[in-house]
Structure formats: C-alpha cells, structure tokens
Amino acid sequence: MSLEAIQKVTEAEQAARERRAEAAEEAKRIVAEAERSGRQLIADQRARAEQEVKAMLAETEAQAEKKAEQTLADNAAQCEALKQAARKRLDKAAGLIVGRVGNS
C-alpha cells in the first residue's frame, strides 16, 4: 500500500474515532438531560400531589366539622325535647310521691 493510502486510512480511522467519541459525548449529554428532566417532572408531580392531598384533607375536615356541628345540634334538640317531656311529667310524679308519702 502506498504511503498516501496509509495516510488516508489513518485519517479515516482517526475521523471515525472522533465521531464515535462525539457520539458518545452526545449520548451522555442526552441521557443526563433526560435524567434531569425526569427528576424535575417527578418533583413537580410530587408537589402537585401534595397540594391536592392538602386540599382534599382541608375539604374533608370542613365536611367533618359541619357534620359534627349538625350532630351536636340534633342531639341538643333531642335533649331539649326530653327535658320538656320530663317537665310535663314532673307535676304528676310529684303528686304521686306526695300521695304515697301522705298515705304512709
């Protein structure tokens, strides 16, 4: 092989090595960018999920508080109804007690 042919082959091999090295560097850059984008996406989604959970928790707490207030109001109304019924029977009960004490 002539010196010129050897030199061309050597140059072609060198160019191929350089292209492979450039391609490897580009691949590393692409992978690093994809990993960075992936981490950012995960962080964004995690933050969004945390906000949704906080909103859902606040809504659930508000509903529970409203339900508790309603239950307390219902119980207070039932209690008052029982007190009124007991007051109506108080005179009769007092009369029965006085009658029994008087008959003894």
PDB file of N, CA and C in Angstrom:
ATOM      1  N   MET A   1       0.850  -1.157   0.000  1.00  0.00           N
ATOM      2  CA  MET A   1       0.000   0.000   0.000  1.00  0.00           C
ATOM      3  C   MET A   1       0.909   1.236   0.000  1.00  0.00           C
ATOM      4  N   SER A   2       0.464   2.240  -0.685  1.00  0.00           N
ATOM      5  CA  SER A   2       1.274   3.449  -0.786  1.00  0.00           C
ATOM      6  C   SER A   2       1.156   4.256   0.498  1.00  0.00           C
ATOM      7  N   LEU A   3       2.090   5.125   0.691  1.00  0.00           N
ATOM      8  CA  LEU A   3       2.112   5.971   1.867  1.00  0.00           C
ATOM      9  C   LEU A   3       0.865   6.859   1.912  1.00  0.00           C
ATOM     10  N   GLU A   4       0.485   7.326   0.763  1.00  0.00           N
ATOM     11  CA  GLU A   4      -0.719   8.171   0.679  1.00  0.00           C
ATOM     12  C   GLU A   4      -1.968   7.391   1.089  1.00  0.00           C
ATOM     13  N   ALA A   5      -2.093   6.149   0.666  1.00  0.00           N
ATOM     14  CA  ALA A   5      -3.236   5.310   1.015  1.00  0.00           C
ATOM     15  C   ALA A   5      -3.239   5.027   2.516  1.00  0.00           C
ATOM     16  N   ILE A   6      -2.064   4.765   3.074  1.00  0.00           N
ATOM     17  CA  ILE A   6      -1.959   4.501   4.507  1.00  0.00           C
ATOM     18  C   ILE A   6      -2.360   5.752   5.290  1.00  0.00           C
ATOM     19  N   GLN A   7      -1.930   6.881   4.800  1.00  0.00           N
ATOM     20  CA  GLN A   7      -2.258   8.131   5.467  1.00  0.00           C
ATOM     21  C   GLN A   7      -3.765   8.378   5.418  1.00  0.00           C
ATOM     22  N   LYS A   8      -4.410   8.086   4.287  1.00  0.00           N
ATOM     23  CA  LYS A   8      -5.859   8.266   4.155  1.00  0.00           C
ATOM     24  C   LYS A   8      -6.597   7.319   5.098  1.00  0.00           C
ATOM     25  N   VAL A   9      -6.127   6.087   5.171  1.00  0.00           N
ATOM     26  CA  VAL A   9      -6.752   5.102   6.062  1.00  0.00           C
ATOM     27  C   VAL A   9      -6.598   5.573   7.510  1.00  0.00           C
ATOM     28  N   THR A  10      -5.412   6.042   7.857  1.00  0.00           N
ATOM     29  CA  THR A  10      -5.160   6.524   9.213  1.00  0.00           C
ATOM     30  C   THR A  10      -6.055   7.721   9.528  1.00  0.00           C
ATOM     31  N   GLU A  11      -6.187   8.628   8.588  1.00  0.00           N
ATOM     32  CA  GLU A  11      -7.049   9.789   8.787  1.00  0.00           C
ATOM     33  C   GLU A  11      -8.511   9.369   8.925  1.00  0.00           C
ATOM     34  N   ALA A  12      -8.919   8.416   8.106  1.00  0.00           N
ATOM     35  CA  ALA A  12     -10.301   7.928   8.167  1.00  0.00           C
ATOM     36  C   ALA A  12     -10.564   7.257   9.516  1.00  0.00           C
ATOM     37  N   GLU A  13      -9.582   6.473   9.983  1.00  0.00           N
ATOM     38  CA  GLU A  13      -9.732   5.826  11.289  1.00  0.00           C
ATOM     39  C   GLU A  13      -9.806   6.868  12.405  1.00  0.00           C
ATOM     40  N   GLN A  14      -8.958   7.886  12.308  1.00  0.00           N
ATOM     41  CA  GLN A  14      -8.956   8.956  13.309  1.00  0.00           C
ATOM     42  C   GLN A  14     -10.301   9.698  13.287  1.00  0.00           C
ATOM     43  N   ALA A  15     -10.802  10.005  12.097  1.00  0.00           N
ATOM     44  CA  ALA A  15     -12.088  10.691  11.965  1.00  0.00           C
ATOM     45  C   ALA A  15     -13.205   9.832  12.549  1.00  0.00           C
ATOM     46  N   ALA A  16     -13.136   8.530  12.317  1.00  0.00           N
ATOM     47  CA  ALA A  16     -14.152   7.617  12.847  1.00  0.00           C
ATOM     48  C   ALA A  16     -14.094   7.595  14.376  1.00  0.00           C
ATOM     49  N   ARG A  17     -12.876   7.567  14.929  1.00  0.00           N
ATOM     50  CA  ARG A  17     -12.730   7.592  16.391  1.00  0.00           C
ATOM     51  C   ARG A  17     -13.305   8.890  16.967  1.00  0.00           C
ATOM     52  N   GLU A  18     -13.016   9.992  16.304  1.00  0.00           N
ATOM     53  CA  GLU A  18     -13.525  11.280  16.763  1.00  0.00           C
ATOM     54  C   GLU A  18     -15.053  11.325  16.709  1.00  0.00           C
ATOM     55  N   ARG A  19     -15.620  10.793  15.613  1.00  0.00           N
ATOM     56  CA  ARG A  19     -17.091  10.766  15.502  1.00  0.00           C
ATOM     57  C   ARG A  19     -17.697   9.875  16.584  1.00  0.00           C
ATOM     58  N   ARG A  20     -17.053   8.726  16.853  1.00  0.00           N
ATOM     59  CA  ARG A  20     -17.545   7.842  17.916  1.00  0.00           C
ATOM     60  C   ARG A  20     -17.468   8.552  19.269  1.00  0.00           C
ATOM     61  N   ALA A  21     -16.383   9.259  19.540  1.00  0.00           N
ATOM     62  CA  ALA A  21     -16.226   9.980  20.803  1.00  0.00           C
ATOM     63  C   ALA A  21     -17.267  11.090  20.906  1.00  0.00           C
ATOM     64  N   GLU A  22     -17.489  11.812  19.817  1.00  0.00           N
ATOM     65  CA  GLU A  22     -18.509  12.863  19.808  1.00  0.00           C
ATOM     66  C   GLU A  22     -19.892  12.260  20.028  1.00  0.00           C
ATOM     67  N   ALA A  23     -20.163  11.133  19.375  1.00  0.00           N
ATOM     68  CA  ALA A  23     -21.459  10.469  19.536  1.00  0.00           C
ATOM     69  C   ALA A  23     -21.636   9.997  20.974  1.00  0.00           C
ATOM     70  N   ALA A  24     -20.565   9.471  21.576  1.00  0.00           N
ATOM     71  CA  ALA A  24     -20.647   9.011  22.971  1.00  0.00           C
ATOM     72  C   ALA A  24     -20.909  10.189  23.897  1.00  0.00           C
ATOM     73  N   GLU A  25     -20.233  11.314  23.668  1.00  0.00           N
ATOM     74  CA  GLU A  25     -20.455  12.512  24.477  1.00  0.00           C
ATOM     75  C   GLU A  25     -21.884  13.030  24.306  1.00  0.00           C
ATOM     76  N   GLU A  26     -22.356  13.027  23.068  1.00  0.00           N
ATOM     77  CA  GLU A  26     -23.740  13.471  22.797  1.00  0.00           C
ATOM     78  C   GLU A  26     -24.733  12.543  23.491  1.00  0.00           C
ATOM     79  N   ALA A  27     -24.469  11.253  23.455  1.00  0.00           N
ATOM     80  CA  ALA A  27     -25.349  10.290  24.123  1.00  0.00           C
ATOM     81  C   ALA A  27     -25.366  10.540  25.626  1.00  0.00           C
ATOM     82  N   LYS A  28     -24.184  10.810  26.208  1.00  0.00           N
ATOM     83  CA  LYS A  28     -24.116  11.107  27.647  1.00  0.00           C
ATOM     84  C   LYS A  28     -24.896  12.364  27.970  1.00  0.00           C
ATOM     85  N   ARG A  29     -24.767  13.373  27.112  1.00  0.00           N
ATOM     86  CA  ARG A  29     -25.481  14.631  27.328  1.00  0.00           C
ATOM     87  C   ARG A  29     -26.981  14.407  27.257  1.00  0.00           C
ATOM     88  N   ILE A  30     -27.420  13.622  26.268  1.00  0.00           N
ATOM     89  CA  ILE A  30     -28.855  13.339  26.110  1.00  0.00           C
ATOM     90  C   ILE A  30     -29.380  12.577  27.324  1.00  0.00           C
ATOM     91  N   VAL A  31     -28.628  11.594  27.791  1.00  0.00           N
ATOM     92  CA  VAL A  31     -29.041  10.807  28.960  1.00  0.00           C
ATOM     93  C   VAL A  31     -29.100  11.696  30.198  1.00  0.00           C
ATOM     94  N   ALA A  32     -28.088  12.546  30.370  1.00  0.00           N
ATOM     95  CA  ALA A  32     -28.069  13.442  31.534  1.00  0.00           C
ATOM     96  C   ALA A  32     -29.255  14.399  31.489  1.00  0.00           C
ATOM     97  N   GLU A  33     -29.561  14.933  30.322  1.00  0.00           N
ATOM     98  CA  GLU A  33     -30.701  15.846  30.177  1.00  0.00           C
ATOM     99  C   GLU A  33     -32.020  15.114  30.458  1.00  0.00           C
ATOM    100  N   ALA A  34     -32.132  13.885  29.963  1.00  0.00           N
ATOM    101  CA  ALA A  34     -33.346  13.104  30.210  1.00  0.00           C
ATOM    102  C   ALA A  34     -33.508  12.806  31.699  1.00  0.00           C
ATOM    103  N   GLU A  35     -32.403  12.477  32.368  1.00  0.00           N
ATOM    104  CA  GLU A  35     -32.472  12.212  33.807  1.00  0.00           C
ATOM    105  C   GLU A  35     -32.863  13.478  34.574  1.00  0.00           C
ATOM    106  N   ARG A  36     -32.281  14.613  34.195  1.00  0.00           N
ATOM    107  CA  ARG A  36     -32.612  15.875  34.850  1.00  0.00           C
ATOM    108  C   ARG A  36     -34.087  16.212  34.633  1.00  0.00           C
ATOM    109  N   SER A  37     -34.548  16.039  33.401  1.00  0.00           N
ATOM    110  CA  SER A  37     -35.965  16.311  33.107  1.00  0.00           C
ATOM    111  C   SER A  37     -36.876  15.366  33.877  1.00  0.00           C
ATOM    112  N   GLY A  38     -36.468  14.117  33.969  1.00  0.00           N
ATOM    113  CA  GLY A  38     -37.256  13.136  34.716  1.00  0.00           C
ATOM    114  C   GLY A  38     -37.343  13.481  36.192  1.00  0.00           C
ATOM    115  N   ARG A  39     -36.211  13.867  36.773  1.00  0.00           N
ATOM    116  CA  ARG A  39     -36.216  14.250  38.193  1.00  0.00           C
ATOM    117  C   ARG A  39     -37.095  15.480  38.415  1.00  0.00           C
ATOM    118  N   GLN A  40     -37.019  16.436  37.491  1.00  0.00           N
ATOM    119  CA  GLN A  40     -37.836  17.640  37.619  1.00  0.00           C
ATOM    120  C   GLN A  40     -39.318  17.299  37.498  1.00  0.00           C
ATOM    121  N   LEU A  41     -39.643  16.424  36.564  1.00  0.00           N
ATOM    122  CA  LEU A  41     -41.035  16.011  36.389  1.00  0.00           C
ATOM    123  C   LEU A  41     -41.554  15.317  37.646  1.00  0.00           C
ATOM    124  N   ILE A  42     -40.736  14.454  38.219  1.00  0.00           N
ATOM    125  CA  ILE A  42     -41.127  13.760  39.456  1.00  0.00           C
ATOM    126  C   ILE A  42     -41.344  14.769  40.581  1.00  0.00           C
ATOM    127  N   ALA A  43     -40.432  15.729  40.709  1.00  0.00           N
ATOM    128  CA  ALA A  43     -40.568  16.738  41.761  1.00  0.00           C
ATOM    129  C   ALA A  43     -41.834  17.566  41.553  1.00  0.00           C
ATOM    130  N   ASP A  44     -42.109  17.942  40.314  1.00  0.00           N
ATOM    131  CA  ASP A  44     -43.316  18.725  40.018  1.00  0.00           C
ATOM    132  C   ASP A  44     -44.575  17.931  40.343  1.00  0.00           C
ATOM    133  N   GLN A  45     -44.599  16.670  39.948  1.00  0.00           N
ATOM    134  CA  GLN A  45     -45.774  15.830  40.196  1.00  0.00           C
ATOM    135  C   GLN A  45     -45.955  15.579  41.685  1.00  0.00           C
ATOM    136  N   ARG A  46     -44.846  15.402  42.403  1.00  0.00           N
ATOM    137  CA  ARG A  46     -44.933  15.185  43.851  1.00  0.00           C
ATOM    138  C   ARG A  46     -45.509  16.427  44.526  1.00  0.00           C
ATOM    139  N   ALA A  47     -45.037  17.608  44.116  1.00  0.00           N
ATOM    140  CA  ALA A  47     -45.546  18.857  44.698  1.00  0.00           C
ATOM    141  C   ALA A  47     -47.033  19.019  44.385  1.00  0.00           C
ATOM    142  N   ARG A  48     -47.421  18.715  43.160  1.00  0.00           N
ATOM    143  CA  ARG A  48     -48.826  18.817  42.776  1.00  0.00           C
ATOM    144  C   ARG A  48     -49.683  17.842  43.595  1.00  0.00           C
ATOM    145  N   ALA A  49     -49.184  16.626  43.766  1.00  0.00           N
ATOM    146  CA  ALA A  49     -49.923  15.624  44.541  1.00  0.00           C
ATOM    147  C   ALA A  49     -50.064  16.078  46.000  1.00  0.00           C
ATOM    148  N   GLU A  50     -49.010  16.657  46.559  1.00  0.00           N
ATOM    149  CA  GLU A  50     -49.078  17.140  47.937  1.00  0.00           C
ATOM    150  C   GLU A  50     -50.107  18.260  48.072  1.00  0.00           C
ATOM    151  N   GLN A  51     -50.165  19.135  47.087  1.00  0.00           N
ATOM    152  CA  GLN A  51     -51.164  20.206  47.123  1.00  0.00           C
ATOM    153  C   GLN A  51     -52.577  19.633  47.042  1.00  0.00           C
ATOM    154  N   GLU A  52     -52.761  18.636  46.180  1.00  0.00           N
ATOM    155  CA  GLU A  52     -54.082  18.013  46.054  1.00  0.00           C
ATOM    156  C   GLU A  52     -54.476  17.331  47.359  1.00  0.00           C
ATOM    157  N   VAL A  53     -53.519  16.656  47.977  1.00  0.00           N
ATOM    158  CA  VAL A  53     -53.807  15.970  49.243  1.00  0.00           C
ATOM    159  C   VAL A  53     -54.188  16.983  50.320  1.00  0.00           C
ATOM    160  N   LYS A  54     -53.449  18.106  50.387  1.00  0.00           N
ATOM    161  CA  LYS A  54     -53.772  19.139  51.373  1.00  0.00           C
ATOM    162  C   LYS A  54     -55.175  19.692  51.135  1.00  0.00           C
ATOM    163  N   ALA A  55     -55.514  19.920  49.870  1.00  0.00           N
ATOM    164  CA  ALA A  55     -56.845  20.445  49.553  1.00  0.00           C
ATOM    165  C   ALA A  55     -57.920  19.433  49.924  1.00  0.00           C
ATOM    166  N   MET A  56     -57.686  18.165  49.612  1.00  0.00           N
ATOM    167  CA  MET A  56     -58.662  17.125  49.940  1.00  0.00           C
ATOM    168  C   MET A  56     -58.815  16.992  51.450  1.00  0.00           C
ATOM    169  N   LEU A  57     -57.693  17.076  52.171  1.00  0.00           N
ATOM    170  CA  LEU A  57     -57.736  16.970  53.623  1.00  0.00           C
ATOM    171  C   LEU A  57     -58.510  18.139  54.222  1.00  0.00           C
ATOM    172  N   ALA A  58     -58.257  19.335  53.719  1.00  0.00           N
ATOM    173  CA  ALA A  58     -58.977  20.513  54.221  1.00  0.00           C
ATOM    174  C   ALA A  58     -60.472  20.384  53.953  1.00  0.00           C
ATOM    175  N   GLU A  59     -60.827  19.902  52.770  1.00  0.00           N
ATOM    176  CA  GLU A  59     -62.246  19.729  52.433  1.00  0.00           C
ATOM    177  C   GLU A  59     -62.884  18.676  53.333  1.00  0.00           C
ATOM    178  N   THR A  60     -62.179  17.579  53.550  1.00  0.00           N
ATOM    179  CA  THR A  60     -62.700  16.511  54.405  1.00  0.00           C
ATOM    180  C   THR A  60     -62.869  17.005  55.841  1.00  0.00           C
ATOM    181  N   GLU A  61     -61.893  17.768  56.334  1.00  0.00           N
ATOM    182  CA  GLU A  61     -62.005  18.308  57.686  1.00  0.00           C
ATOM    183  C   GLU A  61     -63.190  19.262  57.799  1.00  0.00           C
ATOM    184  N   ALA A  62     -63.399  20.076  56.782  1.00  0.00           N
ATOM    185  CA  ALA A  62     -64.531  21.009  56.807  1.00  0.00           C
ATOM    186  C   ALA A  62     -65.852  20.233  56.817  1.00  0.00           C
ATOM    187  N   GLN A  63     -65.928  19.187  56.012  1.00  0.00           N
ATOM    188  CA  GLN A  63     -67.147  18.376  55.988  1.00  0.00           C
ATOM    189  C   GLN A  63     -67.367  17.690  57.328  1.00  0.00           C
ATOM    190  N   ALA A  64     -66.286  17.184  57.922  1.00  0.00           N
ATOM    191  CA  ALA A  64     -66.402  16.509  59.215  1.00  0.00           C
ATOM    192  C   ALA A  64     -66.848  17.498  60.291  1.00  0.00           C
ATOM    193  N   GLU A  65     -66.308  18.705  60.244  1.00  0.00           N
ATOM    194  CA  GLU A  65     -66.703  19.727  61.227  1.00  0.00           C
ATOM    195  C   GLU A  65     -68.179  20.083  61.060  1.00  0.00           C
ATOM    196  N   LYS A  66     -68.603  20.223  59.824  1.00  0.00           N
ATOM    197  CA  LYS A  66     -70.014  20.543  59.558  1.00  0.00           C
ATOM    198  C   LYS A  66     -70.914  19.413  60.061  1.00  0.00           C
ATOM    199  N   LYS A  67     -70.515  18.176  59.812  1.00  0.00           N
ATOM    200  CA  LYS A  67     -71.286  17.009  60.255  1.00  0.00           C
ATOM    201  C   LYS A  67     -71.330  16.967  61.792  1.00  0.00           C
ATOM    202  N   ALA A  68     -70.202  17.260  62.439  1.00  0.00           N
ATOM    203  CA  ALA A  68     -70.160  17.256  63.900  1.00  0.00           C
ATOM    204  C   ALA A  68     -71.077  18.332  64.470  1.00  0.00           C
ATOM    205  N   GLU A  69     -71.056  19.507  63.866  1.00  0.00           N
ATOM    206  CA  GLU A  69     -71.938  20.584  64.318  1.00  0.00           C
ATOM    207  C   GLU A  69     -73.402  20.197  64.158  1.00  0.00           C
ATOM    208  N   GLN A  70     -73.722  19.557  63.048  1.00  0.00           N
ATOM    209  CA  GLN A  70     -75.102  19.124  62.811  1.00  0.00           C
ATOM    210  C   GLN A  70     -75.510  18.068  63.837  1.00  0.00           C
ATOM    211  N   THR A  71     -74.594  17.133  64.108  1.00  0.00           N
ATOM    212  CA  THR A  71     -74.881  16.089  65.098  1.00  0.00           C
ATOM    213  C   THR A  71     -75.097  16.704  66.477  1.00  0.00           C
ATOM    214  N   LEU A  72     -74.252  17.659  66.853  1.00  0.00           N
ATOM    215  CA  LEU A  72     -74.426  18.334  68.139  1.00  0.00           C
ATOM    216  C   LEU A  72     -75.758  19.074  68.208  1.00  0.00           C
ATOM    217  N   ALA A  73     -76.118  19.742  67.128  1.00  0.00           N
ATOM    218  CA  ALA A  73     -77.396  20.461  67.094  1.00  0.00           C
ATOM    219  C   ALA A  73     -78.562  19.475  67.205  1.00  0.00           C
ATOM    220  N   ASP A  74     -78.482  18.356  66.499  1.00  0.00           N
ATOM    221  CA  ASP A  74     -79.541  17.339  66.572  1.00  0.00           C
ATOM    222  C   ASP A  74     -79.654  16.784  67.995  1.00  0.00           C
ATOM    223  N   ASN A  75     -78.514  16.494  68.599  1.00  0.00           N
ATOM    224  CA  ASN A  75     -78.521  15.955  69.961  1.00  0.00           C
ATOM    225  C   ASN A  75     -79.063  16.972  70.958  1.00  0.00           C
ATOM    226  N   ALA A  76     -78.716  18.240  70.781  1.00  0.00           N
ATOM    227  CA  ALA A  76     -79.231  19.292  71.669  1.00  0.00           C
ATOM    228  C   ALA A  76     -80.749  19.394  71.540  1.00  0.00           C
ATOM    229  N   ALA A  77     -81.255  19.274  70.322  1.00  0.00           N
ATOM    230  CA  ALA A  77     -82.705  19.343  70.111  1.00  0.00           C
ATOM    231  C   ALA A  77     -83.388  18.140  70.767  1.00  0.00           C
ATOM    232  N   GLN A  78     -82.817  16.973  70.632  1.00  0.00           N
ATOM    233  CA  GLN A  78     -83.390  15.779  71.262  1.00  0.00           C
ATOM    234  C   GLN A  78     -83.348  15.900  72.788  1.00  0.00           C
ATOM    235  N   CYS A  79     -82.268  16.443  73.284  1.00  0.00           N
ATOM    236  CA  CYS A  79     -82.117  16.640  74.725  1.00  0.00           C
ATOM    237  C   CYS A  79     -83.192  17.595  75.250  1.00  0.00           C
ATOM    238  N   GLU A  80     -83.395  18.671  74.534  1.00  0.00           N
ATOM    239  CA  GLU A  80     -84.403  19.650  74.935  1.00  0.00           C
ATOM    240  C   GLU A  80     -85.800  19.032  74.892  1.00  0.00           C
ATOM    241  N   ALA A  81     -86.061  18.219  73.887  1.00  0.00           N
ATOM    242  CA  ALA A  81     -87.366  17.551  73.795  1.00  0.00           C
ATOM    243  C   ALA A  81     -87.566  16.614  74.986  1.00  0.00           C
ATOM    244  N   LEU A  82     -86.510  15.891  75.377  1.00  0.00           N
ATOM    245  CA  LEU A  82     -86.608  15.000  76.540  1.00  0.00           C
ATOM    246  C   LEU A  82     -86.836  15.793  77.831  1.00  0.00           C
ATOM    247  N   LYS A  83     -86.153  16.947  77.960  1.00  0.00           N
ATOM    248  CA  LYS A  83     -86.341  17.797  79.139  1.00  0.00           C
ATOM    249  C   LYS A  83     -87.776  18.296  79.223  1.00  0.00           C
ATOM    250  N   GLN A  84     -88.325  18.723  78.098  1.00  0.00           N
ATOM    251  CA  GLN A  84     -89.699  19.221  78.092  1.00  0.00           C
ATOM    252  C   GLN A  84     -90.678  18.114  78.441  1.00  0.00           C
ATOM    253  N   ALA A  85     -90.443  16.921  77.927  1.00  0.00           N
ATOM    254  CA  ALA A  85     -91.315  15.797  78.252  1.00  0.00           C
ATOM    255  C   ALA A  85     -91.211  15.469  79.748  1.00  0.00           C
ATOM    256  N   ALA A  86     -90.003  15.537  80.286  1.00  0.00           N
ATOM    257  CA  ALA A  86     -89.813  15.255  81.716  1.00  0.00           C
ATOM    258  C   ALA A  86     -90.488  16.329  82.565  1.00  0.00           C
ATOM    259  N   ARG A  87     -90.430  17.596  82.151  1.00  0.00           N
ATOM    260  CA  ARG A  87     -91.074  18.673  82.912  1.00  0.00           C
ATOM    261  C   ARG A  87     -92.586  18.486  82.948  1.00  0.00           C
ATOM    262  N   LYS A  88     -93.139  18.020  81.834  1.00  0.00           N
ATOM    263  CA  LYS A  88     -94.585  17.788  81.786  1.00  0.00           C
ATOM    264  C   LYS A  88     -94.986  16.695  82.772  1.00  0.00           C
ATOM    265  N   ARG A  89     -94.141  15.737  83.005  1.00  0.00           N
ATOM    266  CA  ARG A  89     -94.461  14.629  83.898  1.00  0.00           C
ATOM    267  C   ARG A  89     -94.058  14.924  85.341  1.00  0.00           C
ATOM    268  N   LEU A  90     -93.323  16.001  85.539  1.00  0.00           N
ATOM    269  CA  LEU A  90     -92.828  16.325  86.872  1.00  0.00           C
ATOM    270  C   LEU A  90     -93.972  16.546  87.865  1.00  0.00           C
ATOM    271  N   ASP A  91     -94.996  17.313  87.475  1.00  0.00           N
ATOM    272  CA  ASP A  91     -96.127  17.569  88.383  1.00  0.00           C
ATOM    273  C   ASP A  91     -96.818  16.273  88.762  1.00  0.00           C
ATOM    274  N   LYS A  92     -97.018  15.407  87.772  1.00  0.00           N
ATOM    275  CA  LYS A  92     -97.686  14.130  88.036  1.00  0.00           C
ATOM    276  C   LYS A  92     -96.838  13.277  88.980  1.00  0.00           C
ATOM    277  N   ALA A  93     -95.508  13.262  88.727  1.00  0.00           N
ATOM    278  CA  ALA A  93     -94.613  12.475  89.587  1.00  0.00           C
ATOM    279  C   ALA A  93     -94.609  13.038  91.000  1.00  0.00           C
ATOM    280  N   ALA A  94     -94.582  14.357  91.121  1.00  0.00           N
ATOM    281  CA  ALA A  94     -94.602  14.984  92.451  1.00  0.00           C
ATOM    282  C   ALA A  94     -95.909  14.644  93.170  1.00  0.00           C
ATOM    283  N   GLY A  95     -97.029  14.656  92.428  1.00  0.00           N
ATOM    284  CA  GLY A  95     -98.320  14.306  93.024  1.00  0.00           C
ATOM    285  C   GLY A  95     -98.332  12.870  93.502  1.00  0.00           C
ATOM    286  N   LEU A  96     -97.770  11.964  92.719  1.00  0.00           N
ATOM    287  CA  LEU A  96     -97.713  10.559  93.129  1.00  0.00           C
ATOM    288  C   LEU A  96     -96.854  10.392  94.379  1.00  0.00           C
ATOM    289  N   ILE A  97     -95.743  11.093  94.439  1.00  0.00           N
ATOM    290  CA  ILE A  97     -94.850  10.989  95.596  1.00  0.00           C
ATOM    291  C   ILE A  97     -95.548  11.540  96.845  1.00  0.00           C
ATOM    292  N   VAL A  98     -96.191  12.685  96.710  1.00  0.00           N
ATOM    293  CA  VAL A  98     -96.881  13.288  97.841  1.00  0.00           C
ATOM    294  C   VAL A  98     -98.020  12.377  98.291  1.00  0.00           C
ATOM    295  N   GLY A  99     -98.702  11.773  97.320  1.00  0.00           N
ATOM    296  CA  GLY A  99     -99.791  10.870  97.659  1.00  0.00           C
ATOM    297  C   GLY A  99     -99.292   9.660  98.397  1.00  0.00           C
ATOM    298  N   ARG A 100     -98.194   9.118  98.000  1.00  0.00           N
ATOM    299  CA  ARG A 100     -97.656   7.921  98.667  1.00  0.00           C
ATOM    300  C   ARG A 100     -97.133   8.255 100.047  1.00  0.00           C
ATOM    301  N   VAL A 101     -96.479   9.408 100.158  1.00  0.00           N
ATOM    302  CA  VAL A 101     -95.941   9.819 101.454  1.00  0.00           C
ATOM    303  C   VAL A 101     -97.101  10.113 102.400  1.00  0.00           C
ATOM    304  N   GLY A 102     -98.139  10.750 101.874  1.00  0.00           N
ATOM    305  CA  GLY A 102     -99.298  11.069 102.701  1.00  0.00           C
ATOM    306  C   GLY A 102    -100.044   9.831 103.139  1.00  0.00           C
ATOM    307  N   ASN A 103    -100.070   8.778 102.347  1.00  0.00           N
ATOM    308  CA  ASN A 103    -100.770   7.557 102.687  1.00  0.00           C
ATOM    309  C   ASN A 103     -99.964   6.655 103.604  1.00  0.00           C
ATOM    310  N   SER A 104     -98.765   6.915 103.838  1.00  0.00           N
ATOM    311  CA  SER A 104     -97.962   6.018 104.677  1.00  0.00           C
ATOM    312  C   SER A 104     -98.163   6.234 106.131  1.00  0.00           C
TER     313      SER A 104
END
